PDB file of all heavy atoms in Angstrom:
ATOM      1  N   ALA A   1      56.127 178.164  23.952  1.00  0.00           N
ATOM      2  CA  ALA A   1      57.510 177.705  23.943  1.00  0.00           C
ATOM      3  C   ALA A   1      58.469 178.855  24.228  1.00  0.00           C
ATOM      4  O   ALA A   1      59.423 178.707  25.004  1.00  0.00           O
ATOM      5  CB  ALA A   1      57.842 177.074  22.590  1.00  0.00           C
ATOM      6  N   ALA A   2      58.174 180.020  23.650  1.00  0.00           N
ATOM      7  CA  ALA A   2      59.033 181.188  23.881  1.00  0.00           C
ATOM      8  C   ALA A   2      58.968 181.619  25.334  1.00  0.00           C
ATOM      9  O   ALA A   2      59.998 181.933  25.965  1.00  0.00           O
ATOM     10  CB  ALA A   2      58.607 182.327  22.959  1.00  0.00           C
ATOM     11  N   ALA A   3      57.766 181.658  25.906  1.00  0.00           N
ATOM     12  CA  ALA A   3      57.608 182.069  27.297  1.00  0.00           C
ATOM     13  C   ALA A   3      58.320 181.092  28.239  1.00  0.00           C
ATOM     14  O   ALA A   3      59.031 181.523  29.177  1.00  0.00           O
ATOM     15  CB  ALA A   3      56.131 182.159  27.652  1.00  0.00           C
ATOM     16  N   LEU A   4      58.146 179.812  27.993  1.00  0.00           N
ATOM     17  CA  LEU A   4      58.829 178.820  28.821  1.00  0.00           C
ATOM     18  C   LEU A   4      60.351 178.915  28.669  1.00  0.00           C
ATOM     19  O   LEU A   4      61.097 178.791  29.655  1.00  0.00           O
ATOM     20  CB  LEU A   4      58.361 177.407  28.454  1.00  0.00           C
ATOM     21  CG  LEU A   4      56.978 177.006  28.962  1.00  0.00           C
ATOM     22  CD1 LEU A   4      56.508 175.732  28.262  1.00  0.00           C
ATOM     23  CD2 LEU A   4      57.024 176.768  30.471  1.00  0.00           C
ATOM     24  N   GLY A   5      60.800 179.124  27.426  1.00  0.00           N
ATOM     25  CA  GLY A   5      62.232 179.231  27.204  1.00  0.00           C
ATOM     26  C   GLY A   5      62.839 180.441  27.909  1.00  0.00           C
ATOM     27  O   GLY A   5      63.890 180.330  28.575  1.00  0.00           O
ATOM     28  N   LEU A   6      62.184 181.602  27.796  1.00  0.00           N
ATOM     29  CA  LEU A   6      62.689 182.798  28.465  1.00  0.00           C
ATOM     30  C   LEU A   6      62.632 182.641  29.980  1.00  0.00           C
ATOM     31  O   LEU A   6      63.567 183.053  30.705  1.00  0.00           O
ATOM     32  CB  LEU A   6      61.879 184.015  28.029  1.00  0.00           C
ATOM     33  CG  LEU A   6      62.077 184.455  26.564  1.00  0.00           C
ATOM     34  CD1 LEU A   6      61.102 185.567  26.204  1.00  0.00           C
ATOM     35  CD2 LEU A   6      63.519 184.913  26.339  1.00  0.00           C
ATOM     36  N   GLY A   7      61.528 182.049  30.451  1.00  0.00           N
ATOM     37  CA  GLY A   7      61.427 181.809  31.887  1.00  0.00           C
ATOM     38  C   GLY A   7      62.501 180.882  32.402  1.00  0.00           C
ATOM     39  O   GLY A   7      63.091 181.094  33.456  1.00  0.00           O
ATOM     40  N   GLY A   8      62.770 179.826  31.617  1.00  0.00           N
ATOM     41  CA  GLY A   8      63.825 178.889  32.014  1.00  0.00           C
ATOM     42  C   GLY A   8      65.202 179.531  32.038  1.00  0.00           C
ATOM     43  O   GLY A   8      65.995 179.301  32.966  1.00  0.00           O
ATOM     44  N   LEU A   9      65.489 180.373  31.046  1.00  0.00           N
ATOM     45  CA  LEU A   9      66.781 181.066  31.020  1.00  0.00           C
ATOM     46  C   LEU A   9      66.899 182.046  32.185  1.00  0.00           C
ATOM     47  O   LEU A   9      67.974 182.165  32.792  1.00  0.00           O
ATOM     48  CB  LEU A   9      66.942 181.819  29.696  1.00  0.00           C
ATOM     49  CG  LEU A   9      67.119 180.947  28.446  1.00  0.00           C
ATOM     50  CD1 LEU A   9      67.119 181.790  27.189  1.00  0.00           C
ATOM     51  CD2 LEU A   9      68.419 180.129  28.544  1.00  0.00           C
ATOM     52  N   ALA A  10      65.800 182.730  32.512  1.00  0.00           N
ATOM     53  CA  ALA A  10      65.828 183.677  33.636  1.00  0.00           C
ATOM     54  C   ALA A  10      66.085 182.934  34.953  1.00  0.00           C
ATOM     55  O   ALA A  10      66.883 183.376  35.800  1.00  0.00           O
ATOM     56  CB  ALA A  10      64.514 184.468  33.694  1.00  0.00           C
ATOM     57  N   LEU A  11      65.384 181.807  35.149  1.00  0.00           N
ATOM     58  CA  LEU A  11      65.586 181.013  36.357  1.00  0.00           C
ATOM     59  C   LEU A  11      67.028 180.490  36.437  1.00  0.00           C
ATOM     60  O   LEU A  11      67.639 180.472  37.500  1.00  0.00           O
ATOM     61  CB  LEU A  11      64.616 179.847  36.385  1.00  0.00           C
ATOM     62  CG  LEU A  11      63.195 180.125  36.882  1.00  0.00           C
ATOM     63  CD1 LEU A  11      62.353 178.877  36.748  1.00  0.00           C
ATOM     64  CD2 LEU A  11      63.214 180.616  38.333  1.00  0.00           C
ATOM     65  N   ALA A  12      67.544 180.057  35.275  1.00  0.00           N
ATOM     66  CA  ALA A  12      68.910 179.567  35.269  1.00  0.00           C
ATOM     67  C   ALA A  12      69.902 180.674  35.651  1.00  0.00           C
ATOM     68  O   ALA A  12      70.865 180.444  36.408  1.00  0.00           O
ATOM     69  CB  ALA A  12      69.256 179.018  33.882  1.00  0.00           C
ATOM     70  N   ALA A  13      69.661 181.889  35.172  1.00  0.00           N
ATOM     71  CA  ALA A  13      70.543 183.008  35.511  1.00  0.00           C
ATOM     72  C   ALA A  13      70.500 183.301  37.005  1.00  0.00           C
ATOM     73  O   ALA A  13      71.537 183.541  37.644  1.00  0.00           O
ATOM     74  CB  ALA A  13      70.130 184.252  34.712  1.00  0.00           C
ATOM     75  N   VAL A  14      69.293 183.283  37.571  1.00  0.00           N
ATOM     76  CA  VAL A  14      69.165 183.515  39.030  1.00  0.00           C
ATOM     77  C   VAL A  14      69.873 182.405  39.798  1.00  0.00           C
ATOM     78  O   VAL A  14      70.594 182.670  40.774  1.00  0.00           O
ATOM     79  CB  VAL A  14      67.672 183.576  39.418  1.00  0.00           C
ATOM     80  CG1 VAL A  14      67.526 183.593  40.936  1.00  0.00           C
ATOM     81  CG2 VAL A  14      67.009 184.806  38.809  1.00  0.00           C
ATOM     82  N   ALA A  15      69.688 181.157  39.356  1.00  0.00           N
ATOM     83  CA  ALA A  15      70.304 180.038  40.052  1.00  0.00           C
ATOM     84  C   ALA A  15      71.827 180.126  39.996  1.00  0.00           C
ATOM     85  O   ALA A  15      72.514 179.880  41.007  1.00  0.00           O
ATOM     86  CB  ALA A  15      69.819 178.724  39.443  1.00  0.00           C
ATOM     87  N   VAL A  16      72.364 180.475  38.850  1.00  0.00           N
ATOM     88  CA  VAL A  16      73.836 180.600  38.727  1.00  0.00           C
ATOM     89  C   VAL A  16      74.343 181.705  39.636  1.00  0.00           C
ATOM     90  O   VAL A  16      75.400 181.570  40.274  1.00  0.00           O
ATOM     91  CB  VAL A  16      74.217 180.855  37.259  1.00  0.00           C
ATOM     92  CG1 VAL A  16      75.674 181.251  37.145  1.00  0.00           C
ATOM     93  CG2 VAL A  16      73.931 179.618  36.430  1.00  0.00           C
ATOM     94  N   HIS A  17      73.592 182.792  39.714  1.00  0.00           N
ATOM     95  CA  HIS A  17      73.976 183.895  40.598  1.00  0.00           C
ATOM     96  C   HIS A  17      74.023 183.453  42.053  1.00  0.00           C
ATOM     97  O   HIS A  17      74.874 183.911  42.830  1.00  0.00           O
ATOM     98  CB  HIS A  17      72.999 185.057  40.424  1.00  0.00           C
ATOM     99  CG  HIS A  17      73.287 186.221  41.324  1.00  0.00           C
ATOM    100  ND1 HIS A  17      74.361 187.069  41.150  1.00  0.00           N
ATOM    101  CD2 HIS A  17      72.637 186.666  42.448  1.00  0.00           C
ATOM    102  CE1 HIS A  17      74.363 187.984  42.112  1.00  0.00           C
ATOM    103  NE2 HIS A  17      73.312 187.768  42.899  1.00  0.00           N
ATOM    104  N   LEU A  18      73.119 182.547  42.418  1.00  0.00           N
ATOM    105  CA  LEU A  18      73.044 182.102  43.802  1.00  0.00           C
ATOM    106  C   LEU A  18      73.992 180.957  44.122  1.00  0.00           C
ATOM    107  O   LEU A  18      74.179 180.608  45.294  1.00  0.00           O
ATOM    108  CB  LEU A  18      71.615 181.652  44.139  1.00  0.00           C
ATOM    109  CG  LEU A  18      70.535 182.721  44.078  1.00  0.00           C
ATOM    110  CD1 LEU A  18      69.164 182.117  44.307  1.00  0.00           C
ATOM    111  CD2 LEU A  18      70.801 183.814  45.118  1.00  0.00           C
ATOM    112  N   LEU A  19      74.572 180.349  43.088  1.00  0.00           N
ATOM    113  CA  LEU A  19      75.393 179.164  43.307  1.00  0.00           C
ATOM    114  C   LEU A  19      76.651 179.452  44.114  1.00  0.00           C
ATOM    115  O   LEU A  19      77.207 178.552  44.753  1.00  0.00           O
ATOM    116  CB  LEU A  19      75.793 178.528  41.973  1.00  0.00           C
ATOM    117  CG  LEU A  19      74.830 177.505  41.395  1.00  0.00           C
ATOM    118  CD1 LEU A  19      75.303 177.042  40.027  1.00  0.00           C
ATOM    119  CD2 LEU A  19      74.664 176.318  42.309  1.00  0.00           C
ATOM    120  N   GLY A  20      77.110 180.694  44.120  1.00  0.00           N
ATOM    121  CA  GLY A  20      78.373 181.014  44.761  1.00  0.00           C
ATOM    122  C   GLY A  20      78.416 180.650  46.226  1.00  0.00           C
ATOM    123  O   GLY A  20      79.362 180.025  46.704  1.00  0.00           O
ATOM    124  N   ASP A  21      77.346 181.007  46.937  1.00  0.00           N
ATOM    125  CA  ASP A  21      77.353 180.715  48.378  1.00  0.00           C
ATOM    126  C   ASP A  21      76.267 179.746  48.815  1.00  0.00           C
ATOM    127  O   ASP A  21      76.172 179.419  50.011  1.00  0.00           O
ATOM    128  CB  ASP A  21      77.208 182.020  49.175  1.00  0.00           C
ATOM    129  CG  ASP A  21      75.992 182.825  48.720  1.00  0.00           C
ATOM    130  OD1 ASP A  21      75.217 182.304  47.892  1.00  0.00           O
ATOM    131  OD2 ASP A  21      75.831 183.969  49.201  1.00  0.00           O
ATOM    132  N   LEU A  22      75.468 179.224  47.837  1.00  0.00           N
ATOM    133  CA  LEU A  22      74.418 178.272  48.165  1.00  0.00           C
ATOM    134  C   LEU A  22      73.642 178.682  49.433  1.00  0.00           C
ATOM    135  O   LEU A  22      73.682 177.991  50.444  1.00  0.00           O
ATOM    136  CB  LEU A  22      74.984 176.869  48.366  1.00  0.00           C
ATOM    137  CG  LEU A  22      75.515 176.170  47.101  1.00  0.00           C
ATOM    138  CD1 LEU A  22      76.141 174.847  47.460  1.00  0.00           C
ATOM    139  CD2 LEU A  22      74.385 175.946  46.116  1.00  0.00           C
ATOM    140  N   PRO A  23      72.990 179.831  49.404  1.00  0.00           N
ATOM    141  CA  PRO A  23      72.329 180.341  50.615  1.00  0.00           C
ATOM    142  C   PRO A  23      71.206 179.414  51.072  1.00  0.00           C
ATOM    143  O   PRO A  23      70.553 178.767  50.270  1.00  0.00           O
ATOM    144  CB  PRO A  23      71.769 181.686  50.176  1.00  0.00           C
ATOM    145  CG  PRO A  23      71.560 181.532  48.704  1.00  0.00           C
ATOM    146  CD  PRO A  23      72.682 180.638  48.237  1.00  0.00           C
ATOM    147  N   ALA A  24      71.003 179.352  52.351  1.00  0.00           N
ATOM    148  CA  ALA A  24      69.885 178.590  52.888  1.00  0.00           C
ATOM    149  C   ALA A  24      68.585 179.332  52.601  1.00  0.00           C
ATOM    150  O   ALA A  24      68.580 180.551  52.459  1.00  0.00           O
ATOM    151  CB  ALA A  24      70.064 178.396  54.387  1.00  0.00           C
ATOM    152  N   ASN A  25      67.496 178.605  52.527  1.00  0.00           N
ATOM    153  CA  ASN A  25      66.216 179.248  52.259  1.00  0.00           C
ATOM    154  C   ASN A  25      65.781 180.094  53.453  1.00  0.00           C
ATOM    155  O   ASN A  25      65.997 179.741  54.607  1.00  0.00           O
ATOM    156  CB  ASN A  25      65.138 178.198  51.993  1.00  0.00           C
ATOM    157  CG  ASN A  25      65.417 177.458  50.703  1.00  0.00           C
ATOM    158  OD1 ASN A  25      66.047 177.980  49.808  1.00  0.00           O
ATOM    159  ND2 ASN A  25      64.946 176.219  50.644  1.00  0.00           N
ATOM    160  N   GLU A  26      65.160 181.214  53.143  1.00  0.00           N
ATOM    161  CA  GLU A  26      64.508 181.978  54.195  1.00  0.00           C
ATOM    162  C   GLU A  26      63.301 181.179  54.694  1.00  0.00           C
ATOM    163  O   GLU A  26      62.560 180.598  53.921  1.00  0.00           O
ATOM    164  CB  GLU A  26      64.043 183.316  53.638  1.00  0.00           C
ATOM    165  CG  GLU A  26      65.179 184.244  53.211  1.00  0.00           C
ATOM    166  CD  GLU A  26      66.023 184.679  54.383  1.00  0.00           C
ATOM    167  OE1 GLU A  26      65.493 184.740  55.523  1.00  0.00           O
ATOM    168  OE2 GLU A  26      67.225 184.941  54.190  1.00  0.00           O
ATOM    169  N   PRO A  27      63.081 181.123  56.011  1.00  0.00           N
ATOM    170  CA  PRO A  27      61.987 180.303  56.546  1.00  0.00           C
ATOM    171  C   PRO A  27      60.624 180.644  55.968  1.00  0.00           C
ATOM    172  O   PRO A  27      59.810 179.764  55.710  1.00  0.00           O
ATOM    173  CB  PRO A  27      62.039 180.607  58.054  1.00  0.00           C
ATOM    174  CG  PRO A  27      63.456 181.026  58.298  1.00  0.00           C
ATOM    175  CD  PRO A  27      63.884 181.741  57.071  1.00  0.00           C
ATOM    176  N   GLU A  28      60.393 181.975  55.741  1.00  0.00           N
ATOM    177  CA  GLU A  28      59.074 182.352  55.231  1.00  0.00           C
ATOM    178  C   GLU A  28      58.876 181.932  53.774  1.00  0.00           C
ATOM    179  O   GLU A  28      57.763 181.947  53.267  1.00  0.00           O
ATOM    180  CB  GLU A  28      58.853 183.858  55.365  1.00  0.00           C
ATOM    181  CG  GLU A  28      59.846 184.718  54.606  1.00  0.00           C
ATOM    182  CD  GLU A  28      61.071 185.053  55.447  1.00  0.00           C
ATOM    183  OE1 GLU A  28      61.316 184.368  56.462  1.00  0.00           O
ATOM    184  OE2 GLU A  28      61.773 186.031  55.104  1.00  0.00           O
ATOM    185  N   LEU A  29      59.954 181.581  53.080  1.00  0.00           N
ATOM    186  CA  LEU A  29      59.854 181.151  51.678  1.00  0.00           C
ATOM    187  C   LEU A  29      59.462 179.682  51.564  1.00  0.00           C
ATOM    188  O   LEU A  29      58.906 179.259  50.544  1.00  0.00           O
ATOM    189  CB  LEU A  29      61.201 181.388  50.975  1.00  0.00           C
ATOM    190  CG  LEU A  29      61.231 181.285  49.463  1.00  0.00           C
ATOM    191  CD1 LEU A  29      60.308 182.304  48.830  1.00  0.00           C
ATOM    192  CD2 LEU A  29      62.665 181.481  48.951  1.00  0.00           C
ATOM    193  N   SER A  30      59.743 178.895  52.561  1.00  0.00           N
ATOM    194  CA  SER A  30      59.512 177.444  52.497  1.00  0.00           C
ATOM    195  C   SER A  30      58.061 177.059  52.224  1.00  0.00           C
ATOM    196  O   SER A  30      57.803 176.189  51.391  1.00  0.00           O
ATOM    197  CB  SER A  30      60.000 176.788  53.782  1.00  0.00           C
ATOM    198  OG  SER A  30      61.407 176.885  53.884  1.00  0.00           O
ATOM    199  N   PRO A  31      57.078 177.675  52.895  1.00  0.00           N
ATOM    200  CA  PRO A  31      55.691 177.283  52.605  1.00  0.00           C
ATOM    201  C   PRO A  31      55.295 177.503  51.140  1.00  0.00           C
ATOM    202  O   PRO A  31      54.589 176.687  50.559  1.00  0.00           O
ATOM    203  CB  PRO A  31      54.860 178.166  53.550  1.00  0.00           C
ATOM    204  CG  PRO A  31      55.791 178.489  54.663  1.00  0.00           C
ATOM    205  CD  PRO A  31      57.145 178.606  54.031  1.00  0.00           C
ATOM    206  N   LEU A  32      55.766 178.612  50.572  1.00  0.00           N
ATOM    207  CA  LEU A  32      55.460 178.886  49.165  1.00  0.00           C
ATOM    208  C   LEU A  32      56.090 177.849  48.254  1.00  0.00           C
ATOM    209  O   LEU A  32      55.454 177.346  47.312  1.00  0.00           O
ATOM    210  CB  LEU A  32      55.942 180.285  48.789  1.00  0.00           C
ATOM    211  CG  LEU A  32      55.750 180.692  47.332  1.00  0.00           C
ATOM    212  CD1 LEU A  32      54.279 180.699  46.971  1.00  0.00           C
ATOM    213  CD2 LEU A  32      56.394 182.068  47.073  1.00  0.00           C
ATOM    214  N   LEU A  33      57.328 177.481  48.526  1.00  0.00           N
ATOM    215  CA  LEU A  33      58.007 176.469  47.711  1.00  0.00           C
ATOM    216  C   LEU A  33      57.328 175.117  47.844  1.00  0.00           C
ATOM    217  O   LEU A  33      57.152 174.390  46.861  1.00  0.00           O
ATOM    218  CB  LEU A  33      59.476 176.369  48.116  1.00  0.00           C
ATOM    219  CG  LEU A  33      60.373 177.572  47.796  1.00  0.00           C
ATOM    220  CD1 LEU A  33      61.729 177.416  48.447  1.00  0.00           C
ATOM    221  CD2 LEU A  33      60.506 177.750  46.286  1.00  0.00           C
ATOM    222  N   LEU A  34      56.960 174.767  49.075  1.00  0.00           N
ATOM    223  CA  LEU A  34      56.309 173.478  49.300  1.00  0.00           C
ATOM    224  C   LEU A  34      54.950 173.421  48.607  1.00  0.00           C
ATOM    225  O   LEU A  34      54.620 172.403  47.960  1.00  0.00           O
ATOM    226  CB  LEU A  34      56.136 173.232  50.796  1.00  0.00           C
ATOM    227  CG  LEU A  34      57.418 172.961  51.596  1.00  0.00           C
ATOM    228  CD1 LEU A  34      57.133 172.959  53.091  1.00  0.00           C
ATOM    229  CD2 LEU A  34      58.028 171.639  51.172  1.00  0.00           C
ATOM    230  N   ALA A  35      54.180 174.493  48.709  1.00  0.00           N
ATOM    231  CA  ALA A  35      52.861 174.520  48.067  1.00  0.00           C
ATOM    232  C   ALA A  35      52.985 174.468  46.547  1.00  0.00           C
ATOM    233  O   ALA A  35      52.264 173.747  45.863  1.00  0.00           O
ATOM    234  CB  ALA A  35      52.087 175.760  48.499  1.00  0.00           C
ATOM    235  N   SER A  36      53.938 175.243  46.006  1.00  0.00           N
ATOM    236  CA  SER A  36      54.143 175.264  44.546  1.00  0.00           C
ATOM    237  C   SER A  36      54.605 173.890  44.056  1.00  0.00           C
ATOM    238  O   SER A  36      54.140 173.400  43.017  1.00  0.00           O
ATOM    239  CB  SER A  36      55.181 176.327  44.174  1.00  0.00           C
ATOM    240  OG  SER A  36      54.753 177.609  44.555  1.00  0.00           O
ATOM    241  N   GLY A  37      55.516 173.263  44.798  1.00  0.00           N
ATOM    242  CA  GLY A  37      55.993 171.955  44.390  1.00  0.00           C
ATOM    243  C   GLY A  37      54.892 170.909  44.409  1.00  0.00           C
ATOM    244  O   GLY A  37      54.773 170.095  43.493  1.00  0.00           O
ATOM    245  N   ALA A  38      54.071 170.933  45.473  1.00  0.00           N
ATOM    246  CA  ALA A  38      52.976 169.955  45.566  1.00  0.00           C
ATOM    247  C   ALA A  38      51.955 170.172  44.444  1.00  0.00           C
ATOM    248  O   ALA A  38      51.456 169.211  43.859  1.00  0.00           O
ATOM    249  CB  ALA A  38      52.291 170.090  46.928  1.00  0.00           C
ATOM    250  N   LEU A  39      51.676 171.445  44.108  1.00  0.00           N
ATOM    251  CA  LEU A  39      50.712 171.743  43.058  1.00  0.00           C
ATOM    252  C   LEU A  39      51.225 171.265  41.692  1.00  0.00           C
ATOM    253  O   LEU A  39      50.501 170.613  40.931  1.00  0.00           O
ATOM    254  CB  LEU A  39      50.430 173.243  43.015  1.00  0.00           C
ATOM    255  CG  LEU A  39      49.449 173.720  41.932  1.00  0.00           C
ATOM    256  CD1 LEU A  39      48.085 173.088  42.144  1.00  0.00           C
ATOM    257  CD2 LEU A  39      49.346 175.227  41.932  1.00  0.00           C
ATOM    258  N   LEU A  40      52.485 171.590  41.374  1.00  0.00           N
ATOM    259  CA  LEU A  40      53.042 171.159  40.071  1.00  0.00           C
ATOM    260  C   LEU A  40      53.085 169.639  39.966  1.00  0.00           C
ATOM    261  O   LEU A  40      52.757 169.068  38.916  1.00  0.00           O
ATOM    262  CB  LEU A  40      54.442 171.742  39.888  1.00  0.00           C
ATOM    263  CG  LEU A  40      54.544 173.238  39.610  1.00  0.00           C
ATOM    264  CD1 LEU A  40      56.006 173.660  39.468  1.00  0.00           C
ATOM    265  CD2 LEU A  40      53.769 173.620  38.359  1.00  0.00           C
ATOM    266  N   GLY A  41      53.497 168.991  41.042  1.00  0.00           N
ATOM    267  CA  GLY A  41      53.549 167.533  41.016  1.00  0.00           C
ATOM    268  C   GLY A  41      52.179 166.903  40.825  1.00  0.00           C
ATOM    269  O   GLY A  41      52.014 165.954  40.062  1.00  0.00           O
ATOM    270  N   ALA A  42      51.168 167.466  41.526  1.00  0.00           N
ATOM    271  CA  ALA A  42      49.813 166.917  41.409  1.00  0.00           C
ATOM    272  C   ALA A  42      49.267 167.123  40.009  1.00  0.00           C
ATOM    273  O   ALA A  42      48.635 166.215  39.431  1.00  0.00           O
ATOM    274  CB  ALA A  42      48.901 167.604  42.435  1.00  0.00           C
TER     275      ALA A  42
END
């Protein structure tokens, strides 16, 4: 629970930092995101 909580807060901090300009994804990042999303969903 502690690890998930700290990880969630860290992700939230990164997301808030990026919210200002809503940058588009780097093309090389997309395969990693797609693979991670498919794995978690499965």
